[in-house]
């Protein structure tokens, strides 16, 4: 598995013909709301910058729209809504990988607790394109999807054992890859399991490092 991940990253490194400097990351507030923080990316090419930043704004807009539509469908009041972000990989090792992890939280008045999820956006900074899960299975060595899912499952079990997290009875075997993944500054690949996806709310959002 680690050999495959290295091959994936190597392929991305070789896609850059010259030295690829890290992107500059600033922040801004969505619609002037200081609780709605999002990243503003600059890689030094106006067209690529626009493509990346439009995708980020689209995700924030999708989140906000979804929260208010959800509130309307259950006749609830949105008491709080907020976003923040962190950077996983910012062209680490001279790759073209920029990984952004958006934390999106909301609270409906009267609910037992706020809801929070993490949404990862991975960009190829040489093109501005979002990197889907085809980057995990179609670059570098050829590895079948079932084997890849099995590797993620093994890493999840090991992570939960270390952290004392009890998985839901029907959490395993994994039937598909988690929707959200990112690379960190050491080019380790992480998968994100949201609240209630494989474990109780108290377990929090589970971040599994495939290289650990």
C-alpha atoms as a PDB file:
ATOM      1  CA  UNK A   1       0.000   0.000   0.000  1.00  0.00           C
ATOM      2  CA  UNK A   2       2.745   2.448   0.905  1.00  0.00           C
ATOM      3  CA  UNK A   3       4.499   1.610  -2.365  1.00  0.00           C
ATOM      4  CA  UNK A   4       1.328   2.505  -4.229  1.00  0.00           C
ATOM      5  CA  UNK A   5       0.935   5.802  -2.354  1.00  0.00           C
ATOM      6  CA  UNK A   6       4.523   6.713  -3.145  1.00  0.00           C
ATOM      7  CA  UNK A   7       3.913   5.929  -6.810  1.00  0.00           C
ATOM      8  CA  UNK A   8       0.833   8.157  -6.753  1.00  0.00           C
ATOM      9  CA  UNK A   9       2.740  11.080  -5.292  1.00  0.00           C
ATOM     10  CA  UNK A  10       5.723  10.468  -7.580  1.00  0.00           C
ATOM     11  CA  UNK A  11       3.449  10.656 -10.615  1.00  0.00           C
ATOM     12  CA  UNK A  12       2.161  14.011  -9.407  1.00  0.00           C
ATOM     13  CA  UNK A  13       5.700  15.248  -8.827  1.00  0.00           C
ATOM     14  CA  UNK A  14       6.752  14.238 -12.312  1.00  0.00           C
ATOM     15  CA  UNK A  15       3.796  16.128 -13.781  1.00  0.00           C
ATOM     16  CA  UNK A  16       5.561  19.365 -12.858  1.00  0.00           C
ATOM     17  CA  UNK A  17       8.335  20.311 -15.255  1.00  0.00           C
ATOM     18  CA  UNK A  18       9.869  22.955 -13.004  1.00  0.00           C
ATOM     19  CA  UNK A  19      10.032  23.733  -9.309  1.00  0.00           C
ATOM     20  CA  UNK A  20       6.550  24.192  -7.900  1.00  0.00           C
ATOM     21  CA  UNK A  21       6.477  26.668  -5.032  1.00  0.00           C
ATOM     22  CA  UNK A  22       3.825  26.459  -2.344  1.00  0.00           C
ATOM     23  CA  UNK A  23       0.559  28.306  -2.801  1.00  0.00           C
ATOM     24  CA  UNK A  24      -0.116  31.423  -0.749  1.00  0.00           C
ATOM     25  CA  UNK A  25      -3.157  30.954   1.466  1.00  0.00           C
ATOM     26  CA  UNK A  26      -5.100  33.908   2.842  1.00  0.00           C
ATOM     27  CA  UNK A  27      -8.564  33.903   4.410  1.00  0.00           C
ATOM     28  CA  UNK A  28     -11.792  35.795   3.947  1.00  0.00           C
ATOM     29  CA  UNK A  29     -15.319  35.867   5.386  1.00  0.00           C
ATOM     30  CA  UNK A  30     -18.246  34.522   3.386  1.00  0.00           C
ATOM     31  CA  UNK A  31     -20.797  37.299   2.831  1.00  0.00           C
ATOM     32  CA  UNK A  32     -19.013  39.385   5.480  1.00  0.00           C
ATOM     33  CA  UNK A  33     -19.824  36.895   8.283  1.00  0.00           C
ATOM     34  CA  UNK A  34     -16.749  36.568  10.507  1.00  0.00           C
ATOM     35  CA  UNK A  35     -17.853  33.074  11.592  1.00  0.00           C
ATOM     36  CA  UNK A  36     -17.749  31.861   7.997  1.00  0.00           C
ATOM     37  CA  UNK A  37     -14.030  31.656   7.285  1.00  0.00           C
ATOM     38  CA  UNK A  38     -12.711  30.206   4.045  1.00  0.00           C
ATOM     39  CA  UNK A  39      -9.304  30.065   2.297  1.00  0.00           C
ATOM     40  CA  UNK A  40      -8.270  32.262  -0.607  1.00  0.00           C
ATOM     41  CA  UNK A  41      -5.584  30.594  -2.720  1.00  0.00           C
ATOM     42  CA  UNK A  42      -2.919  32.162  -4.903  1.00  0.00           C
ATOM     43  CA  UNK A  43      -0.572  29.994  -6.973  1.00  0.00           C
ATOM     44  CA  UNK A  44       0.682  32.804  -9.206  1.00  0.00           C
ATOM     45  CA  UNK A  45      -1.480  32.076 -12.253  1.00  0.00           C
ATOM     46  CA  UNK A  46      -4.697  34.100 -12.444  1.00  0.00           C
ATOM     47  CA  UNK A  47      -6.664  31.475 -14.377  1.00  0.00           C
ATOM     48  CA  UNK A  48      -5.693  28.671 -11.981  1.00  0.00           C
ATOM     49  CA  UNK A  49      -6.321  30.874  -8.941  1.00  0.00           C
ATOM     50  CA  UNK A  50      -9.813  31.628 -10.223  1.00  0.00           C
ATOM     51  CA  UNK A  51     -10.607  27.960 -10.843  1.00  0.00           C
ATOM     52  CA  UNK A  52      -9.508  26.960  -7.344  1.00  0.00           C
ATOM     53  CA  UNK A  53     -11.209  29.819  -5.532  1.00  0.00           C
ATOM     54  CA  UNK A  54     -14.465  29.425  -7.454  1.00  0.00           C
ATOM     55  CA  UNK A  55     -14.536  25.759  -6.372  1.00  0.00           C
ATOM     56  CA  UNK A  56     -13.978  26.737  -2.728  1.00  0.00           C
ATOM     57  CA  UNK A  57     -16.758  29.342  -2.783  1.00  0.00           C
ATOM     58  CA  UNK A  58     -19.058  26.841  -4.495  1.00  0.00           C
ATOM     59  CA  UNK A  59     -18.512  24.376  -1.640  1.00  0.00           C
ATOM     60  CA  UNK A  60     -19.219  27.026   1.024  1.00  0.00           C
ATOM     61  CA  UNK A  61     -22.348  28.103  -0.849  1.00  0.00           C
ATOM     62  CA  UNK A  62     -23.481  24.466  -1.172  1.00  0.00           C
ATOM     63  CA  UNK A  63     -23.027  23.999   2.570  1.00  0.00           C
ATOM     64  CA  UNK A  64     -24.943  27.144   3.553  1.00  0.00           C
ATOM     65  CA  UNK A  65     -27.771  26.406   1.126  1.00  0.00           C
ATOM     66  CA  UNK A  66     -28.045  22.842   2.421  1.00  0.00           C
ATOM     67  CA  UNK A  67     -28.237  23.951   6.060  1.00  0.00           C
ATOM     68  CA  UNK A  68     -31.046  26.431   5.424  1.00  0.00           C
ATOM     69  CA  UNK A  69     -32.951  24.035   3.185  1.00  0.00           C
ATOM     70  CA  UNK A  70     -32.630  21.411   5.915  1.00  0.00           C
ATOM     71  CA  UNK A  71     -33.965  23.834   8.511  1.00  0.00           C
ATOM     72  CA  UNK A  72     -36.917  24.688   6.300  1.00  0.00           C
ATOM     73  CA  UNK A  73     -37.767  21.035   5.726  1.00  0.00           C
ATOM     74  CA  UNK A  74     -38.076  20.359   9.476  1.00  0.00           C
ATOM     75  CA  UNK A  75     -39.427  23.798  10.419  1.00  0.00           C
ATOM     76  CA  UNK A  76     -36.357  24.616  12.499  1.00  0.00           C
ATOM     77  CA  UNK A  77     -34.387  27.781  13.140  1.00  0.00           C
ATOM     78  CA  UNK A  78     -30.681  28.013  12.282  1.00  0.00           C
ATOM     79  CA  UNK A  79     -29.170  29.205  15.551  1.00  0.00           C
ATOM     80  CA  UNK A  80     -25.557  29.035  14.407  1.00  0.00           C
ATOM     81  CA  UNK A  81     -23.591  28.319  11.253  1.00  0.00           C
ATOM     82  CA  UNK A  82     -19.843  28.572  10.796  1.00  0.00           C
ATOM     83  CA  UNK A  83     -16.861  27.357   8.797  1.00  0.00           C
ATOM     84  CA  UNK A  84     -13.121  27.225   9.193  1.00  0.00           C
ATOM     85  CA  UNK A  85     -10.273  25.468   7.443  1.00  0.00           C
ATOM     86  CA  UNK A  86      -6.843  23.933   7.766  1.00  0.00           C
ATOM     87  CA  UNK A  87      -4.242  23.043   5.181  1.00  0.00           C
ATOM     88  CA  UNK A  88      -3.097  19.455   4.772  1.00  0.00           C
ATOM     89  CA  UNK A  89      -0.516  19.478   1.995  1.00  0.00           C
ATOM     90  CA  UNK A  90       0.572  22.711   0.341  1.00  0.00           C
ATOM     91  CA  UNK A  91       2.738  21.398  -2.509  1.00  0.00           C
ATOM     92  CA  UNK A  92       4.791  19.390  -0.043  1.00  0.00           C
ATOM     93  CA  UNK A  93       7.821  17.756  -1.620  1.00  0.00           C
ATOM     94  CA  UNK A  94       7.384  19.919  -4.729  1.00  0.00           C
ATOM     95  CA  UNK A  95       4.223  18.032  -5.700  1.00  0.00           C
ATOM     96  CA  UNK A  96       1.230  19.810  -7.213  1.00  0.00           C
ATOM     97  CA  UNK A  97      -1.027  18.750  -4.343  1.00  0.00           C
ATOM     98  CA  UNK A  98      -2.925  21.357  -2.335  1.00  0.00           C
ATOM     99  CA  UNK A  99      -5.216  19.769   0.244  1.00  0.00           C
ATOM    100  CA  UNK A 100      -7.708  21.945   2.113  1.00  0.00           C
ATOM    101  CA  UNK A 101      -9.897  20.604   4.916  1.00  0.00           C
ATOM    102  CA  UNK A 102     -13.024  22.689   5.488  1.00  0.00           C
ATOM    103  CA  UNK A 103     -14.779  22.292   8.842  1.00  0.00           C
ATOM    104  CA  UNK A 104     -18.478  23.048   8.462  1.00  0.00           C
ATOM    105  CA  UNK A 105     -20.681  23.347  11.567  1.00  0.00           C
ATOM    106  CA  UNK A 106     -24.302  24.261  12.180  1.00  0.00           C
ATOM    107  CA  UNK A 107     -26.837  24.177  14.991  1.00  0.00           C
ATOM    108  CA  UNK A 108     -30.608  24.069  14.771  1.00  0.00           C
ATOM    109  CA  UNK A 109     -32.313  25.687  17.754  1.00  0.00           C
ATOM    110  CA  UNK A 110     -33.413  22.996  20.201  1.00  0.00           C
ATOM    111  CA  UNK A 111     -31.139  20.289  18.796  1.00  0.00           C
ATOM    112  CA  UNK A 112     -29.195  18.087  21.214  1.00  0.00           C
ATOM    113  CA  UNK A 113     -25.862  19.305  19.873  1.00  0.00           C
ATOM    114  CA  UNK A 114     -24.287  21.111  16.900  1.00  0.00           C
ATOM    115  CA  UNK A 115     -23.544  19.137  13.766  1.00  0.00           C
ATOM    116  CA  UNK A 116     -20.067  19.225  12.259  1.00  0.00           C
ATOM    117  CA  UNK A 117     -18.477  17.670   9.233  1.00  0.00           C
ATOM    118  CA  UNK A 118     -15.174  17.980   7.438  1.00  0.00           C
ATOM    119  CA  UNK A 119     -15.048  18.386   3.688  1.00  0.00           C
ATOM    120  CA  UNK A 120     -11.710  17.928   1.926  1.00  0.00           C
ATOM    121  CA  UNK A 121     -10.831  19.689  -1.315  1.00  0.00           C
ATOM    122  CA  UNK A 122      -7.716  18.485  -3.133  1.00  0.00           C
ATOM    123  CA  UNK A 123      -6.419  20.584  -5.997  1.00  0.00           C
ATOM    124  CA  UNK A 124      -3.813  19.980  -8.655  1.00  0.00           C
ATOM    125  CA  UNK A 125      -2.121  23.377  -8.572  1.00  0.00           C
ATOM    126  CA  UNK A 126      -0.670  23.013 -12.057  1.00  0.00           C
ATOM    127  CA  UNK A 127      -4.181  22.949 -13.526  1.00  0.00           C
ATOM    128  CA  UNK A 128      -6.576  24.058 -10.781  1.00  0.00           C
ATOM    129  CA  UNK A 129      -8.545  20.845 -11.163  1.00  0.00           C
ATOM    130  CA  UNK A 130     -10.141  19.111  -8.199  1.00  0.00           C
ATOM    131  CA  UNK A 131      -8.560  15.727  -7.554  1.00  0.00           C
ATOM    132  CA  UNK A 132     -11.194  13.012  -7.256  1.00  0.00           C
ATOM    133  CA  UNK A 133     -10.741   9.478  -6.011  1.00  0.00           C
ATOM    134  CA  UNK A 134      -9.538   8.434  -9.471  1.00  0.00           C
ATOM    135  CA  UNK A 135      -6.186   9.834  -8.291  1.00  0.00           C
ATOM    136  CA  UNK A 136      -6.155   7.068  -5.693  1.00  0.00           C
ATOM    137  CA  UNK A 137      -6.703   4.150  -8.048  1.00  0.00           C
ATOM    138  CA  UNK A 138      -5.618   5.229 -11.521  1.00  0.00           C
ATOM    139  CA  UNK A 139      -2.202   6.823 -10.948  1.00  0.00           C
ATOM    140  CA  UNK A 140       1.024   4.928 -10.392  1.00  0.00           C
ATOM    141  CA  UNK A 141       0.605   1.198  -9.882  1.00  0.00           C
ATOM    142  CA  UNK A 142      -2.603  -0.470 -10.945  1.00  0.00           C
ATOM    143  CA  UNK A 143      -4.439  -1.550  -7.799  1.00  0.00           C
ATOM    144  CA  UNK A 144      -7.977  -2.897  -7.745  1.00  0.00           C
ATOM    145  CA  UNK A 145     -10.567  -0.945  -5.800  1.00  0.00           C
ATOM    146  CA  UNK A 146     -11.520  -3.827  -3.518  1.00  0.00           C
ATOM    147  CA  UNK A 147      -7.916  -4.149  -2.320  1.00  0.00           C
ATOM    148  CA  UNK A 148      -7.725  -0.424  -1.753  1.00  0.00           C
ATOM    149  CA  UNK A 149     -10.911  -0.435   0.349  1.00  0.00           C
ATOM    150  CA  UNK A 150      -9.515  -3.372   2.342  1.00  0.00           C
ATOM    151  CA  UNK A 151      -6.371  -1.335   3.081  1.00  0.00           C
ATOM    152  CA  UNK A 152      -8.463   1.586   4.334  1.00  0.00           C
ATOM    153  CA  UNK A 153     -10.511  -0.794   6.490  1.00  0.00           C
ATOM    154  CA  UNK A 154      -7.341  -2.233   8.041  1.00  0.00           C
ATOM    155  CA  UNK A 155      -6.065   1.281   8.830  1.00  0.00           C
ATOM    156  CA  UNK A 156      -9.449   2.246  10.337  1.00  0.00           C
ATOM    157  CA  UNK A 157      -9.468  -0.788  12.624  1.00  0.00           C
ATOM    158  CA  UNK A 158      -5.907  -0.081  13.786  1.00  0.00           C
ATOM    159  CA  UNK A 159      -6.715   3.601  14.402  1.00  0.00           C
ATOM    160  CA  UNK A 160      -9.830   2.808  16.437  1.00  0.00           C
ATOM    161  CA  UNK A 161      -7.959   0.203  18.465  1.00  0.00           C
ATOM    162  CA  UNK A 162      -5.276   2.779  19.365  1.00  0.00           C
ATOM    163  CA  UNK A 163      -7.869   5.426  20.250  1.00  0.00           C
ATOM    164  CA  UNK A 164     -10.248   3.109  22.105  1.00  0.00           C
ATOM    165  CA  UNK A 165     -13.076   3.771  19.643  1.00  0.00           C
ATOM    166  CA  UNK A 166     -15.803   1.152  19.330  1.00  0.00           C
ATOM    167  CA  UNK A 167     -17.162   0.848  15.814  1.00  0.00           C
ATOM    168  CA  UNK A 168     -20.815   0.246  14.989  1.00  0.00           C
ATOM    169  CA  UNK A 169     -21.629  -3.436  14.551  1.00  0.00           C
ATOM    170  CA  UNK A 170     -22.467  -2.919  10.896  1.00  0.00           C
ATOM    171  CA  UNK A 171     -19.526  -0.600  10.128  1.00  0.00           C
ATOM    172  CA  UNK A 172     -17.410  -3.421   8.735  1.00  0.00           C
ATOM    173  CA  UNK A 173     -16.631  -4.567   6.196  1.00  0.00           C
ATOM    174  CA  UNK A 174     -16.312  -1.220   4.438  1.00  0.00           C
ATOM    175  CA  UNK A 175     -18.315  -1.257   1.241  1.00  0.00           C
ATOM    176  CA  UNK A 176     -16.834   1.887  -0.286  1.00  0.00           C
ATOM    177  CA  UNK A 177     -14.149   4.487   0.230  1.00  0.00           C
ATOM    178  CA  UNK A 178     -15.029   7.477   2.414  1.00  0.00           C
ATOM    179  CA  UNK A 179     -15.992  10.465   0.296  1.00  0.00           C
ATOM    180  CA  UNK A 180     -13.393  12.748   1.865  1.00  0.00           C
ATOM    181  CA  UNK A 181      -9.633  12.271   1.771  1.00  0.00           C
ATOM    182  CA  UNK A 182      -6.569  14.504   1.798  1.00  0.00           C
ATOM    183  CA  UNK A 183      -2.787  14.495   1.893  1.00  0.00           C
ATOM    184  CA  UNK A 184      -0.889  15.954   4.858  1.00  0.00           C
ATOM    185  CA  UNK A 185       2.422  17.833   4.938  1.00  0.00           C
ATOM    186  CA  UNK A 186       4.309  14.525   4.963  1.00  0.00           C
ATOM    187  CA  UNK A 187       2.330  13.329   1.925  1.00  0.00           C
ATOM    188  CA  UNK A 188       0.494  10.765   4.022  1.00  0.00           C
ATOM    189  CA  UNK A 189      -2.969   9.981   2.683  1.00  0.00           C
ATOM    190  CA  UNK A 190      -5.847  10.448   5.154  1.00  0.00           C
ATOM    191  CA  UNK A 191      -9.478   9.371   4.982  1.00  0.00           C
ATOM    192  CA  UNK A 192     -12.177  11.184   6.966  1.00  0.00           C
ATOM    193  CA  UNK A 193     -15.092   9.358   8.583  1.00  0.00           C
ATOM    194  CA  UNK A 194     -17.832  11.751   9.674  1.00  0.00           C
ATOM    195  CA  UNK A 195     -19.917  11.651  12.856  1.00  0.00           C
ATOM    196  CA  UNK A 196     -22.107   8.542  12.920  1.00  0.00           C
ATOM    197  CA  UNK A 197     -20.542   7.153   9.739  1.00  0.00           C
ATOM    198  CA  UNK A 198     -18.830   4.215  11.453  1.00  0.00           C
ATOM    199  CA  UNK A 199     -18.990   5.063  15.176  1.00  0.00           C
ATOM    200  CA  UNK A 200     -21.112   6.945  17.737  1.00  0.00           C
ATOM    201  CA  UNK A 201     -21.129  10.760  17.871  1.00  0.00           C
ATOM    202  CA  UNK A 202     -18.888  10.730  20.953  1.00  0.00           C
ATOM    203  CA  UNK A 203     -16.066   9.239  18.868  1.00  0.00           C
ATOM    204  CA  UNK A 204     -15.887  12.497  16.914  1.00  0.00           C
ATOM    205  CA  UNK A 205     -14.803  12.818  13.323  1.00  0.00           C
ATOM    206  CA  UNK A 206     -12.328  10.003  12.651  1.00  0.00           C
ATOM    207  CA  UNK A 207      -9.235  10.881  10.644  1.00  0.00           C
ATOM    208  CA  UNK A 208      -7.356   7.799   9.462  1.00  0.00           C
ATOM    209  CA  UNK A 209      -3.756   8.085   8.275  1.00  0.00           C
ATOM    210  CA  UNK A 210      -3.015   5.221   5.890  1.00  0.00           C
ATOM    211  CA  UNK A 211       0.724   5.533   6.576  1.00  0.00           C
ATOM    212  CA  UNK A 212       0.517   5.258  10.349  1.00  0.00           C
END
